[in-house]
Amino acid sequence: MNAQLLTSLAYSLLLTLIIETSFFLIIGKRRKKDLILVCLVNILTNPPVVLLYWLTIIYSRLNPIFAILVLESSAIIIEGYYYKNYGQEFSHPYTLSLIANLLSFGIGLLI
């Protein structure tokens, strides 16, 4: 794996952790266990999504937008599942996951 890809993975994860944790703090999620869960599910989902995106772009002819939709949708579903089953204060886990992911993806595009 080249240094550029590893750097991309690291920056993406760091930005995602900052943005999504900040989002949950802003909307009032203050329980330590829930904030740790937010970090853990992003550590679980972000690196594979970013890596699979780059591998798809490099080694296939799939439309990048299609790849993003499939990969981000998978992350939203996985994160929502964990928020629903292991979170303590996630009344709408899939909606929260969707908003957090749209926010971090959107800010990532701007950066």
PDB file of N, CA and C in Angstrom:
ATOM      1  N   MET A   1       0.853  -1.166   0.000  1.00  0.00           N
ATOM      2  CA  MET A   1       0.000   0.000   0.000  1.00  0.00           C
ATOM      3  C   MET A   1       0.905   1.239   0.000  1.00  0.00           C
ATOM      4  N   ASN A   2       0.602   2.178  -0.851  1.00  0.00           N
ATOM      5  CA  ASN A   2       1.488   3.342  -0.913  1.00  0.00           C
ATOM      6  C   ASN A   2       1.154   4.375   0.164  1.00  0.00           C
ATOM      7  N   ALA A   3       2.110   5.276   0.371  1.00  0.00           N
ATOM      8  CA  ALA A   3       1.982   6.271   1.438  1.00  0.00           C
ATOM      9  C   ALA A   3       0.804   7.203   1.212  1.00  0.00           C
ATOM     10  N   GLN A   4       0.510   7.524  -0.033  1.00  0.00           N
ATOM     11  CA  GLN A   4      -0.606   8.427  -0.329  1.00  0.00           C
ATOM     12  C   GLN A   4      -1.937   7.823   0.108  1.00  0.00           C
ATOM     13  N   LEU A   5      -2.107   6.537  -0.135  1.00  0.00           N
ATOM     14  CA  LEU A   5      -3.344   5.867   0.270  1.00  0.00           C
ATOM     15  C   LEU A   5      -3.457   5.808   1.795  1.00  0.00           C
ATOM     16  N   LEU A   6      -2.369   5.483   2.463  1.00  0.00           N
ATOM     17  CA  LEU A   6      -2.397   5.440   3.926  1.00  0.00           C
ATOM     18  C   LEU A   6      -2.688   6.815   4.516  1.00  0.00           C
ATOM     19  N   THR A   7      -2.112   7.845   3.918  1.00  0.00           N
ATOM     20  CA  THR A   7      -2.377   9.207   4.368  1.00  0.00           C
ATOM     21  C   THR A   7      -3.847   9.561   4.162  1.00  0.00           C
ATOM     22  N   SER A   8      -4.389   9.181   3.020  1.00  0.00           N
ATOM     23  CA  SER A   8      -5.802   9.427   2.728  1.00  0.00           C
ATOM     24  C   SER A   8      -6.694   8.722   3.740  1.00  0.00           C
ATOM     25  N   LEU A   9      -6.370   7.476   4.066  1.00  0.00           N
ATOM     26  CA  LEU A   9      -7.152   6.728   5.054  1.00  0.00           C
ATOM     27  C   LEU A   9      -7.096   7.398   6.427  1.00  0.00           C
ATOM     28  N   ALA A  10      -5.909   7.828   6.822  1.00  0.00           N
ATOM     29  CA  ALA A  10      -5.742   8.449   8.134  1.00  0.00           C
ATOM     30  C   ALA A  10      -6.491   9.781   8.227  1.00  0.00           C
ATOM     31  N   TYR A  11      -6.330  10.637   7.218  1.00  0.00           N
ATOM     32  CA  TYR A  11      -7.025  11.930   7.232  1.00  0.00           C
ATOM     33  C   TYR A  11      -8.535  11.752   7.200  1.00  0.00           C
ATOM     34  N   SER A  12      -8.999  10.835   6.380  1.00  0.00           N
ATOM     35  CA  SER A  12     -10.436  10.598   6.285  1.00  0.00           C
ATOM     36  C   SER A  12     -11.000  10.150   7.628  1.00  0.00           C
ATOM     37  N   LEU A  13     -10.321   9.223   8.273  1.00  0.00           N
ATOM     38  CA  LEU A  13     -10.801   8.743   9.572  1.00  0.00           C
ATOM     39  C   LEU A  13     -10.760   9.854  10.614  1.00  0.00           C
ATOM     40  N   LEU A  14      -9.680  10.604  10.656  1.00  0.00           N
ATOM     41  CA  LEU A  14      -9.558  11.684  11.634  1.00  0.00           C
ATOM     42  C   LEU A  14     -10.657  12.733  11.442  1.00  0.00           C
ATOM     43  N   LEU A  15     -10.860  13.160  10.198  1.00  0.00           N
ATOM     44  CA  LEU A  15     -11.904  14.150   9.929  1.00  0.00           C
ATOM     45  C   LEU A  15     -13.291  13.610  10.259  1.00  0.00           C
ATOM     46  N   THR A  16     -13.531  12.359   9.909  1.00  0.00           N
ATOM     47  CA  THR A  16     -14.828  11.749  10.203  1.00  0.00           C
ATOM     48  C   THR A  16     -15.073  11.698  11.707  1.00  0.00           C
ATOM     49  N   LEU A  17     -14.061  11.298  12.464  1.00  0.00           N
ATOM     50  CA  LEU A  17     -14.219  11.241  13.921  1.00  0.00           C
ATOM     51  C   LEU A  17     -14.511  12.625  14.496  1.00  0.00           C
ATOM     52  N   ILE A  18     -13.792  13.626  14.029  1.00  0.00           N
ATOM     53  CA  ILE A  18     -14.003  14.988  14.526  1.00  0.00           C
ATOM     54  C   ILE A  18     -15.401  15.491  14.159  1.00  0.00           C
ATOM     55  N   ILE A  19     -15.774  15.345  12.897  1.00  0.00           N
ATOM     56  CA  ILE A  19     -17.045  15.878  12.408  1.00  0.00           C
ATOM     57  C   ILE A  19     -18.234  15.154  13.034  1.00  0.00           C
ATOM     58  N   GLU A  20     -18.207  13.828  13.021  1.00  0.00           N
ATOM     59  CA  GLU A  20     -19.369  13.088  13.517  1.00  0.00           C
ATOM     60  C   GLU A  20     -19.490  13.159  15.042  1.00  0.00           C
ATOM     61  N   THR A  21     -18.381  13.147  15.756  1.00  0.00           N
ATOM     62  CA  THR A  21     -18.453  13.305  17.204  1.00  0.00           C
ATOM     63  C   THR A  21     -18.965  14.702  17.547  1.00  0.00           C
ATOM     64  N   SER A  22     -18.490  15.695  16.822  1.00  0.00           N
ATOM     65  CA  SER A  22     -18.976  17.070  17.037  1.00  0.00           C
ATOM     66  C   SER A  22     -20.471  17.164  16.763  1.00  0.00           C
ATOM     67  N   PHE A  23     -20.929  16.532  15.691  1.00  0.00           N
ATOM     68  CA  PHE A  23     -22.354  16.526  15.359  1.00  0.00           C
ATOM     69  C   PHE A  23     -23.174  15.966  16.515  1.00  0.00           C
ATOM     70  N   PHE A  24     -22.744  14.823  17.044  1.00  0.00           N
ATOM     71  CA  PHE A  24     -23.497  14.206  18.127  1.00  0.00           C
ATOM     72  C   PHE A  24     -23.451  15.052  19.395  1.00  0.00           C
ATOM     73  N   LEU A  25     -22.341  15.723  19.647  1.00  0.00           N
ATOM     74  CA  LEU A  25     -22.276  16.634  20.800  1.00  0.00           C
ATOM     75  C   LEU A  25     -23.210  17.823  20.601  1.00  0.00           C
ATOM     76  N   ILE A  26     -23.246  18.368  19.393  1.00  0.00           N
ATOM     77  CA  ILE A  26     -24.100  19.527  19.093  1.00  0.00           C
ATOM     78  C   ILE A  26     -25.579  19.197  19.275  1.00  0.00           C
ATOM     79  N   ILE A  27     -25.969  17.984  18.899  1.00  0.00           N
ATOM     80  CA  ILE A  27     -27.391  17.635  19.041  1.00  0.00           C
ATOM     81  C   ILE A  27     -27.727  17.115  20.440  1.00  0.00           C
ATOM     82  N   GLY A  28     -26.748  17.173  21.343  1.00  0.00           N
ATOM     83  CA  GLY A  28     -27.044  16.874  22.733  1.00  0.00           C
ATOM     84  C   GLY A  28     -26.700  15.486  23.220  1.00  0.00           C
ATOM     85  N   LYS A  29     -26.000  14.711  22.437  1.00  0.00           N
ATOM     86  CA  LYS A  29     -25.571  13.381  22.891  1.00  0.00           C
ATOM     87  C   LYS A  29     -24.342  13.570  23.768  1.00  0.00           C
ATOM     88  N   ARG A  30     -24.505  13.366  25.055  1.00  0.00           N
ATOM     89  CA  ARG A  30     -23.419  13.624  25.994  1.00  0.00           C
ATOM     90  C   ARG A  30     -22.951  12.370  26.738  1.00  0.00           C
ATOM     91  N   ARG A  31     -23.684  11.284  26.602  1.00  0.00           N
ATOM     92  CA  ARG A  31     -23.293  10.068  27.314  1.00  0.00           C
ATOM     93  C   ARG A  31     -21.962   9.557  26.766  1.00  0.00           C
ATOM     94  N   LYS A  32     -21.049   9.317  27.680  1.00  0.00           N
ATOM     95  CA  LYS A  32     -19.710   8.883  27.294  1.00  0.00           C
ATOM     96  C   LYS A  32     -19.758   7.589  26.468  1.00  0.00           C
ATOM     97  N   LYS A  33     -20.595   6.647  26.882  1.00  0.00           N
ATOM     98  CA  LYS A  33     -20.695   5.368  26.164  1.00  0.00           C
ATOM     99  C   LYS A  33     -21.190   5.571  24.731  1.00  0.00           C
ATOM    100  N   ASP A  34     -22.121   6.485  24.538  1.00  0.00           N
ATOM    101  CA  ASP A  34     -22.622   6.741  23.184  1.00  0.00           C
ATOM    102  C   ASP A  34     -21.569   7.418  22.318  1.00  0.00           C
ATOM    103  N   LEU A  35     -20.807   8.325  22.896  1.00  0.00           N
ATOM    104  CA  LEU A  35     -19.747   8.986  22.127  1.00  0.00           C
ATOM    105  C   LEU A  35     -18.629   8.012  21.777  1.00  0.00           C
ATOM    106  N   ILE A  36     -18.334   7.106  22.689  1.00  0.00           N
ATOM    107  CA  ILE A  36     -17.351   6.056  22.382  1.00  0.00           C
ATOM    108  C   ILE A  36     -17.886   5.170  21.269  1.00  0.00           C
ATOM    109  N   LEU A  37     -19.172   4.852  21.310  1.00  0.00           N
ATOM    110  CA  LEU A  37     -19.795   4.050  20.253  1.00  0.00           C
ATOM    111  C   LEU A  37     -19.683   4.747  18.905  1.00  0.00           C
ATOM    112  N   VAL A  38     -19.927   6.048  18.866  1.00  0.00           N
ATOM    113  CA  VAL A  38     -19.796   6.813  17.623  1.00  0.00           C
ATOM    114  C   VAL A  38     -18.385   6.660  17.067  1.00  0.00           C
ATOM    115  N   CYS A  39     -17.404   6.788  17.920  1.00  0.00           N
ATOM    116  CA  CYS A  39     -16.011   6.642  17.472  1.00  0.00           C
ATOM    117  C   CYS A  39     -15.730   5.217  16.985  1.00  0.00           C
ATOM    118  N   LEU A  40     -16.185   4.229  17.736  1.00  0.00           N
ATOM    119  CA  LEU A  40     -15.914   2.840  17.359  1.00  0.00           C
ATOM    120  C   LEU A  40     -16.567   2.447  16.037  1.00  0.00           C
ATOM    121  N   VAL A  41     -17.824   2.854  15.826  1.00  0.00           N
ATOM    122  CA  VAL A  41     -18.469   2.469  14.568  1.00  0.00           C
ATOM    123  C   VAL A  41     -17.812   3.175  13.380  1.00  0.00           C
ATOM    124  N   ASN A  42     -17.297   4.377  13.604  1.00  0.00           N
ATOM    125  CA  ASN A  42     -16.601   5.055  12.514  1.00  0.00           C
ATOM    126  C   ASN A  42     -15.236   4.437  12.248  1.00  0.00           C
ATOM    127  N   ILE A  43     -14.580   3.954  13.287  1.00  0.00           N
ATOM    128  CA  ILE A  43     -13.324   3.219  13.096  1.00  0.00           C
ATOM    129  C   ILE A  43     -13.599   1.919  12.348  1.00  0.00           C
ATOM    130  N   LEU A  44     -14.752   1.333  12.593  1.00  0.00           N
ATOM    131  CA  LEU A  44     -15.154   0.098  11.914  1.00  0.00           C
ATOM    132  C   LEU A  44     -15.514   0.336  10.448  1.00  0.00           C
ATOM    133  N   THR A  45     -16.205   1.415  10.154  1.00  0.00           N
ATOM    134  CA  THR A  45     -16.744   1.607   8.798  1.00  0.00           C
ATOM    135  C   THR A  45     -15.903   2.499   7.896  1.00  0.00           C
ATOM    136  N   ASN A  46     -15.291   3.543   8.429  1.00  0.00           N
ATOM    137  CA  ASN A  46     -14.619   4.510   7.562  1.00  0.00           C
ATOM    138  C   ASN A  46     -13.442   3.938   6.770  1.00  0.00           C
ATOM    139  N   PRO A  47     -12.474   3.277   7.404  1.00  0.00           N
ATOM    140  CA  PRO A  47     -11.344   2.767   6.606  1.00  0.00           C
ATOM    141  C   PRO A  47     -11.750   1.804   5.487  1.00  0.00           C
ATOM    142  N   PRO A  48     -12.650   0.832   5.745  1.00  0.00           N
ATOM    143  CA  PRO A  48     -13.055  -0.027   4.630  1.00  0.00           C
ATOM    144  C   PRO A  48     -13.773   0.729   3.506  1.00  0.00           C
ATOM    145  N   VAL A  49     -14.619   1.701   3.858  1.00  0.00           N
ATOM    146  CA  VAL A  49     -15.327   2.472   2.824  1.00  0.00           C
ATOM    147  C   VAL A  49     -14.332   3.239   1.965  1.00  0.00           C
ATOM    148  N   VAL A  50     -13.377   3.915   2.589  1.00  0.00           N
ATOM    149  CA  VAL A  50     -12.394   4.699   1.839  1.00  0.00           C
ATOM    150  C   VAL A  50     -11.513   3.777   0.993  1.00  0.00           C
ATOM    151  N   LEU A  51     -11.041   2.686   1.590  1.00  0.00           N
ATOM    152  CA  LEU A  51     -10.186   1.750   0.855  1.00  0.00           C
ATOM    153  C   LEU A  51     -10.935   1.122  -0.317  1.00  0.00           C
ATOM    154  N   LEU A  52     -12.144   0.666  -0.085  1.00  0.00           N
ATOM    155  CA  LEU A  52     -12.928   0.061  -1.173  1.00  0.00           C
ATOM    156  C   LEU A  52     -13.249   1.075  -2.267  1.00  0.00           C
ATOM    157  N   TYR A  53     -13.470   2.318  -1.884  1.00  0.00           N
ATOM    158  CA  TYR A  53     -13.701   3.357  -2.886  1.00  0.00           C
ATOM    159  C   TYR A  53     -12.480   3.493  -3.794  1.00  0.00           C
ATOM    160  N   TRP A  54     -11.299   3.634  -3.190  1.00  0.00           N
ATOM    161  CA  TRP A  54     -10.090   3.807  -4.002  1.00  0.00           C
ATOM    162  C   TRP A  54      -9.800   2.570  -4.847  1.00  0.00           C
ATOM    163  N   LEU A  55      -9.993   1.394  -4.299  1.00  0.00           N
ATOM    164  CA  LEU A  55      -9.777   0.180  -5.081  1.00  0.00           C
ATOM    165  C   LEU A  55     -10.765   0.081  -6.241  1.00  0.00           C
ATOM    166  N   THR A  56     -11.995   0.484  -5.992  1.00  0.00           N
ATOM    167  CA  THR A  56     -13.006   0.478  -7.052  1.00  0.00           C
ATOM    168  C   THR A  56     -12.627   1.449  -8.161  1.00  0.00           C
ATOM    169  N   ILE A  57     -12.191   2.633  -7.796  1.00  0.00           N
ATOM    170  CA  ILE A  57     -11.822   3.645  -8.780  1.00  0.00           C
ATOM    171  C   ILE A  57     -10.612   3.207  -9.594  1.00  0.00           C
ATOM    172  N   ILE A  58      -9.639   2.619  -8.917  1.00  0.00           N
ATOM    173  CA  ILE A  58      -8.395   2.232  -9.585  1.00  0.00           C
ATOM    174  C   ILE A  58      -8.576   0.992 -10.458  1.00  0.00           C
ATOM    175  N   TYR A  59      -9.301  -0.003  -9.958  1.00  0.00           N
ATOM    176  CA  TYR A  59      -9.319  -1.306 -10.615  1.00  0.00           C
ATOM    177  C   TYR A  59     -10.618  -1.694 -11.302  1.00  0.00           C
ATOM    178  N   SER A  60     -11.591  -0.833 -11.333  1.00  0.00           N
ATOM    179  CA  SER A  60     -12.834  -1.198 -12.019  1.00  0.00           C
ATOM    180  C   SER A  60     -13.317  -0.038 -12.881  1.00  0.00           C
ATOM    181  N   ARG A  61     -14.327  -0.312 -13.628  1.00  0.00           N
ATOM    182  CA  ARG A  61     -14.924   0.713 -14.477  1.00  0.00           C
ATOM    183  C   ARG A  61     -16.260   1.199 -13.931  1.00  0.00           C
ATOM    184  N   LEU A  62     -16.517   0.892 -12.671  1.00  0.00           N
ATOM    185  CA  LEU A  62     -17.759   1.359 -12.060  1.00  0.00           C
ATOM    186  C   LEU A  62     -17.769   2.877 -11.974  1.00  0.00           C
ATOM    187  N   ASN A  63     -18.931   3.419 -12.115  1.00  0.00           N
ATOM    188  CA  ASN A  63     -19.110   4.857 -11.961  1.00  0.00           C
ATOM    189  C   ASN A  63     -18.772   5.235 -10.512  1.00  0.00           C
ATOM    190  N   PRO A  64     -17.899   6.225 -10.300  1.00  0.00           N
ATOM    191  CA  PRO A  64     -17.535   6.608  -8.931  1.00  0.00           C
ATOM    192  C   PRO A  64     -18.735   7.023  -8.072  1.00  0.00           C
ATOM    193  N   ILE A  65     -19.723   7.647  -8.674  1.00  0.00           N
ATOM    194  CA  ILE A  65     -20.905   8.063  -7.909  1.00  0.00           C
ATOM    195  C   ILE A  65     -21.677   6.840  -7.423  1.00  0.00           C
ATOM    196  N   PHE A  66     -21.787   5.831  -8.269  1.00  0.00           N
ATOM    197  CA  PHE A  66     -22.447   4.582  -7.875  1.00  0.00           C
ATOM    198  C   PHE A  66     -21.682   3.927  -6.723  1.00  0.00           C
ATOM    199  N   ALA A  67     -20.368   3.900  -6.836  1.00  0.00           N
ATOM    200  CA  ALA A  67     -19.539   3.308  -5.776  1.00  0.00           C
ATOM    201  C   ALA A  67     -19.745   4.050  -4.462  1.00  0.00           C
ATOM    202  N   ILE A  68     -19.754   5.371  -4.513  1.00  0.00           N
ATOM    203  CA  ILE A  68     -19.969   6.178  -3.302  1.00  0.00           C
ATOM    204  C   ILE A  68     -21.331   5.870  -2.693  1.00  0.00           C
ATOM    205  N   LEU A  69     -22.364   5.815  -3.517  1.00  0.00           N
ATOM    206  CA  LEU A  69     -23.719   5.549  -3.003  1.00  0.00           C
ATOM    207  C   LEU A  69     -23.795   4.191  -2.312  1.00  0.00           C
ATOM    208  N   VAL A  70     -23.224   3.176  -2.935  1.00  0.00           N
ATOM    209  CA  VAL A  70     -23.265   1.831  -2.352  1.00  0.00           C
ATOM    210  C   VAL A  70     -22.465   1.779  -1.055  1.00  0.00           C
ATOM    211  N   LEU A  71     -21.258   2.313  -1.077  1.00  0.00           N
ATOM    212  CA  LEU A  71     -20.388   2.248   0.093  1.00  0.00           C
ATOM    213  C   LEU A  71     -20.919   3.086   1.253  1.00  0.00           C
ATOM    214  N   GLU A  72     -21.352   4.308   0.969  1.00  0.00           N
ATOM    215  CA  GLU A  72     -21.881   5.168   2.038  1.00  0.00           C
ATOM    216  C   GLU A  72     -23.196   4.617   2.596  1.00  0.00           C
ATOM    217  N   SER A  73     -24.032   4.067   1.722  1.00  0.00           N
ATOM    218  CA  SER A  73     -25.281   3.451   2.200  1.00  0.00           C
ATOM    219  C   SER A  73     -24.986   2.288   3.125  1.00  0.00           C
ATOM    220  N   SER A  74     -23.980   1.505   2.788  1.00  0.00           N
ATOM    221  CA  SER A  74     -23.586   0.385   3.650  1.00  0.00           C
ATOM    222  C   SER A  74     -23.115   0.890   5.008  1.00  0.00           C
ATOM    223  N   ALA A  75     -22.311   1.942   4.999  1.00  0.00           N
ATOM    224  CA  ALA A  75     -21.822   2.507   6.264  1.00  0.00           C
ATOM    225  C   ALA A  75     -22.978   3.020   7.108  1.00  0.00           C
ATOM    226  N   ILE A  76     -23.936   3.688   6.486  1.00  0.00           N
ATOM    227  CA  ILE A  76     -25.098   4.226   7.205  1.00  0.00           C
ATOM    228  C   ILE A  76     -25.902   3.100   7.851  1.00  0.00           C
ATOM    229  N   ILE A  77     -26.107   2.032   7.118  1.00  0.00           N
ATOM    230  CA  ILE A  77     -26.875   0.895   7.642  1.00  0.00           C
ATOM    231  C   ILE A  77     -26.137   0.231   8.804  1.00  0.00           C
ATOM    232  N   ILE A  78     -24.834   0.018   8.634  1.00  0.00           N
ATOM    233  CA  ILE A  78     -24.045  -0.624   9.694  1.00  0.00           C
ATOM    234  C   ILE A  78     -24.005   0.255  10.943  1.00  0.00           C
ATOM    235  N   GLU A  79     -23.738   1.537  10.759  1.00  0.00           N
ATOM    236  CA  GLU A  79     -23.677   2.439  11.903  1.00  0.00           C
ATOM    237  C   GLU A  79     -25.032   2.545  12.590  1.00  0.00           C
ATOM    238  N   GLY A  80     -26.097   2.666  11.803  1.00  0.00           N
ATOM    239  CA  GLY A  80     -27.440   2.723  12.374  1.00  0.00           C
ATOM    240  C   GLY A  80     -27.762   1.479  13.185  1.00  0.00           C
ATOM    241  N   TYR A  81     -27.346   0.326  12.682  1.00  0.00           N
ATOM    242  CA  TYR A  81     -27.558  -0.933  13.403  1.00  0.00           C
ATOM    243  C   TYR A  81     -26.887  -0.886  14.776  1.00  0.00           C
ATOM    244  N   TYR A  82     -25.638  -0.455  14.812  1.00  0.00           N
ATOM    245  CA  TYR A  82     -24.919  -0.390  16.088  1.00  0.00           C
ATOM    246  C   TYR A  82     -25.523   0.655  17.024  1.00  0.00           C
ATOM    247  N   TYR A  83     -25.922   1.800  16.476  1.00  0.00           N
ATOM    248  CA  TYR A  83     -26.550   2.823  17.318  1.00  0.00           C
ATOM    249  C   TYR A  83     -27.850   2.291  17.914  1.00  0.00           C
ATOM    250  N   LYS A  84     -28.620   1.586  17.104  1.00  0.00           N
ATOM    251  CA  LYS A  84     -29.905   1.048  17.565  1.00  0.00           C
ATOM    252  C   LYS A  84     -29.722  -0.026  18.631  1.00  0.00           C
ATOM    253  N   ASN A  85     -28.769  -0.915  18.416  1.00  0.00           N
ATOM    254  CA  ASN A  85     -28.624  -2.069  19.301  1.00  0.00           C
ATOM    255  C   ASN A  85     -27.702  -1.853  20.497  1.00  0.00           C
ATOM    256  N   TYR A  86     -26.801  -0.889  20.407  1.00  0.00           N
ATOM    257  CA  TYR A  86     -25.844  -0.707  21.490  1.00  0.00           C
ATOM    258  C   TYR A  86     -25.832   0.704  22.073  1.00  0.00           C
ATOM    259  N   GLY A  87     -26.488   1.634  21.418  1.00  0.00           N
ATOM    260  CA  GLY A  87     -26.548   2.994  21.929  1.00  0.00           C
ATOM    261  C   GLY A  87     -27.596   3.128  23.011  1.00  0.00           C
ATOM    262  N   GLN A  88     -27.423   4.124  23.851  1.00  0.00           N
ATOM    263  CA  GLN A  88     -28.367   4.324  24.935  1.00  0.00           C
ATOM    264  C   GLN A  88     -29.342   5.460  24.656  1.00  0.00           C
ATOM    265  N   GLU A  89     -28.940   6.426  23.869  1.00  0.00           N
ATOM    266  CA  GLU A  89     -29.800   7.583  23.603  1.00  0.00           C
ATOM    267  C   GLU A  89     -29.916   7.872  22.109  1.00  0.00           C
ATOM    268  N   PHE A  90     -30.216   6.864  21.315  1.00  0.00           N
ATOM    269  CA  PHE A  90     -30.367   7.042  19.875  1.00  0.00           C
ATOM    270  C   PHE A  90     -31.812   6.711  19.502  1.00  0.00           C
ATOM    271  N   SER A  91     -32.678   7.729  19.573  1.00  0.00           N
ATOM    272  CA  SER A  91     -34.092   7.478  19.306  1.00  0.00           C
ATOM    273  C   SER A  91     -34.366   7.203  17.822  1.00  0.00           C
ATOM    274  N   HIS A  92     -33.573   7.751  16.935  1.00  0.00           N
ATOM    275  CA  HIS A  92     -33.710   7.516  15.493  1.00  0.00           C
ATOM    276  C   HIS A  92     -32.328   7.187  14.928  1.00  0.00           C
ATOM    277  N   PRO A  93     -31.835   5.976  15.192  1.00  0.00           N
ATOM    278  CA  PRO A  93     -30.446   5.658  14.890  1.00  0.00           C
ATOM    279  C   PRO A  93     -30.070   5.751  13.413  1.00  0.00           C
ATOM    280  N   TYR A  94     -30.948   5.305  12.535  1.00  0.00           N
ATOM    281  CA  TYR A  94     -30.610   5.327  11.108  1.00  0.00           C
ATOM    282  C   TYR A  94     -30.653   6.753  10.550  1.00  0.00           C
ATOM    283  N   THR A  95     -31.584   7.551  11.032  1.00  0.00           N
ATOM    284  CA  THR A  95     -31.648   8.949  10.608  1.00  0.00           C
ATOM    285  C   THR A  95     -30.414   9.702  11.093  1.00  0.00           C
ATOM    286  N   LEU A  96     -30.023   9.464  12.334  1.00  0.00           N
ATOM    287  CA  LEU A  96     -28.826  10.108  12.870  1.00  0.00           C
ATOM    288  C   LEU A  96     -27.588   9.680  12.096  1.00  0.00           C
ATOM    289  N   SER A  97     -27.512   8.408  11.771  1.00  0.00           N
ATOM    290  CA  SER A  97     -26.383   7.914  10.982  1.00  0.00           C
ATOM    291  C   SER A  97     -26.360   8.558   9.599  1.00  0.00           C
ATOM    292  N   LEU A  98     -27.515   8.666   8.973  1.00  0.00           N
ATOM    293  CA  LEU A  98     -27.609   9.302   7.657  1.00  0.00           C
ATOM    294  C   LEU A  98     -27.141  10.755   7.716  1.00  0.00           C
ATOM    295  N   ILE A  99     -27.650  11.509   8.671  1.00  0.00           N
ATOM    296  CA  ILE A  99     -27.290  12.924   8.775  1.00  0.00           C
ATOM    297  C   ILE A  99     -25.802  13.083   9.077  1.00  0.00           C
ATOM    298  N   ALA A 100     -25.286  12.298  10.019  1.00  0.00           N
ATOM    299  CA  ALA A 100     -23.865  12.384  10.371  1.00  0.00           C
ATOM    300  C   ALA A 100     -22.984  12.058   9.177  1.00  0.00           C
ATOM    301  N   ASN A 101     -23.354  11.037   8.417  1.00  0.00           N
ATOM    302  CA  ASN A 101     -22.554  10.652   7.256  1.00  0.00           C
ATOM    303  C   ASN A 101     -22.654  11.677   6.134  1.00  0.00           C
ATOM    304  N   LEU A 102     -23.844  12.226   5.913  1.00  0.00           N
ATOM    305  CA  LEU A 102     -23.971  13.279   4.899  1.00  0.00           C
ATOM    306  C   LEU A 102     -23.142  14.501   5.282  1.00  0.00           C
ATOM    307  N   LEU A 103     -23.160  14.821   6.552  1.00  0.00           N
ATOM    308  CA  LEU A 103     -22.388  15.965   7.037  1.00  0.00           C
ATOM    309  C   LEU A 103     -20.886  15.736   6.853  1.00  0.00           C
ATOM    310  N   SER A 104     -20.404  14.600   7.287  1.00  0.00           N
ATOM    311  CA  SER A 104     -18.961  14.355   7.174  1.00  0.00           C
ATOM    312  C   SER A 104     -18.533  14.186   5.718  1.00  0.00           C
ATOM    313  N   PHE A 105     -19.362  13.562   4.907  1.00  0.00           N
ATOM    314  CA  PHE A 105     -19.032  13.410   3.484  1.00  0.00           C
ATOM    315  C   PHE A 105     -19.028  14.782   2.805  1.00  0.00           C
ATOM    316  N   GLY A 106     -20.039  15.583   3.096  1.00  0.00           N
ATOM    317  CA  GLY A 106     -20.128  16.915   2.495  1.00  0.00           C
ATOM    318  C   GLY A 106     -18.964  17.825   2.874  1.00  0.00           C
ATOM    319  N   ILE A 107     -18.631  17.810   4.157  1.00  0.00           N
ATOM    320  CA  ILE A 107     -17.484  18.625   4.593  1.00  0.00           C
ATOM    321  C   ILE A 107     -16.198  18.093   3.984  1.00  0.00           C
ATOM    322  N   GLY A 108     -16.100  16.766   3.883  1.00  0.00           N
ATOM    323  CA  GLY A 108     -14.938  16.162   3.239  1.00  0.00           C
ATOM    324  C   GLY A 108     -14.788  16.602   1.789  1.00  0.00           C
ATOM    325  N   LEU A 109     -15.895  16.719   1.088  1.00  0.00           N
ATOM    326  CA  LEU A 109     -15.849  17.196  -0.299  1.00  0.00           C
ATOM    327  C   LEU A 109     -15.363  18.642  -0.373  1.00  0.00           C
ATOM    328  N   LEU A 110     -15.806  19.454   0.574  1.00  0.00           N
ATOM    329  CA  LEU A 110     -15.401  20.861   0.582  1.00  0.00           C
ATOM    330  C   LEU A 110     -13.910  21.022   0.886  1.00  0.00           C
ATOM    331  N   ILE A 111     -13.402  20.132   1.699  1.00  0.00           N
ATOM    332  CA  ILE A 111     -11.982  20.212   2.074  1.00  0.00           C
ATOM    333  C   ILE A 111     -11.172  19.631   0.937  1.00  0.00           C
TER     334      ILE A 111
END
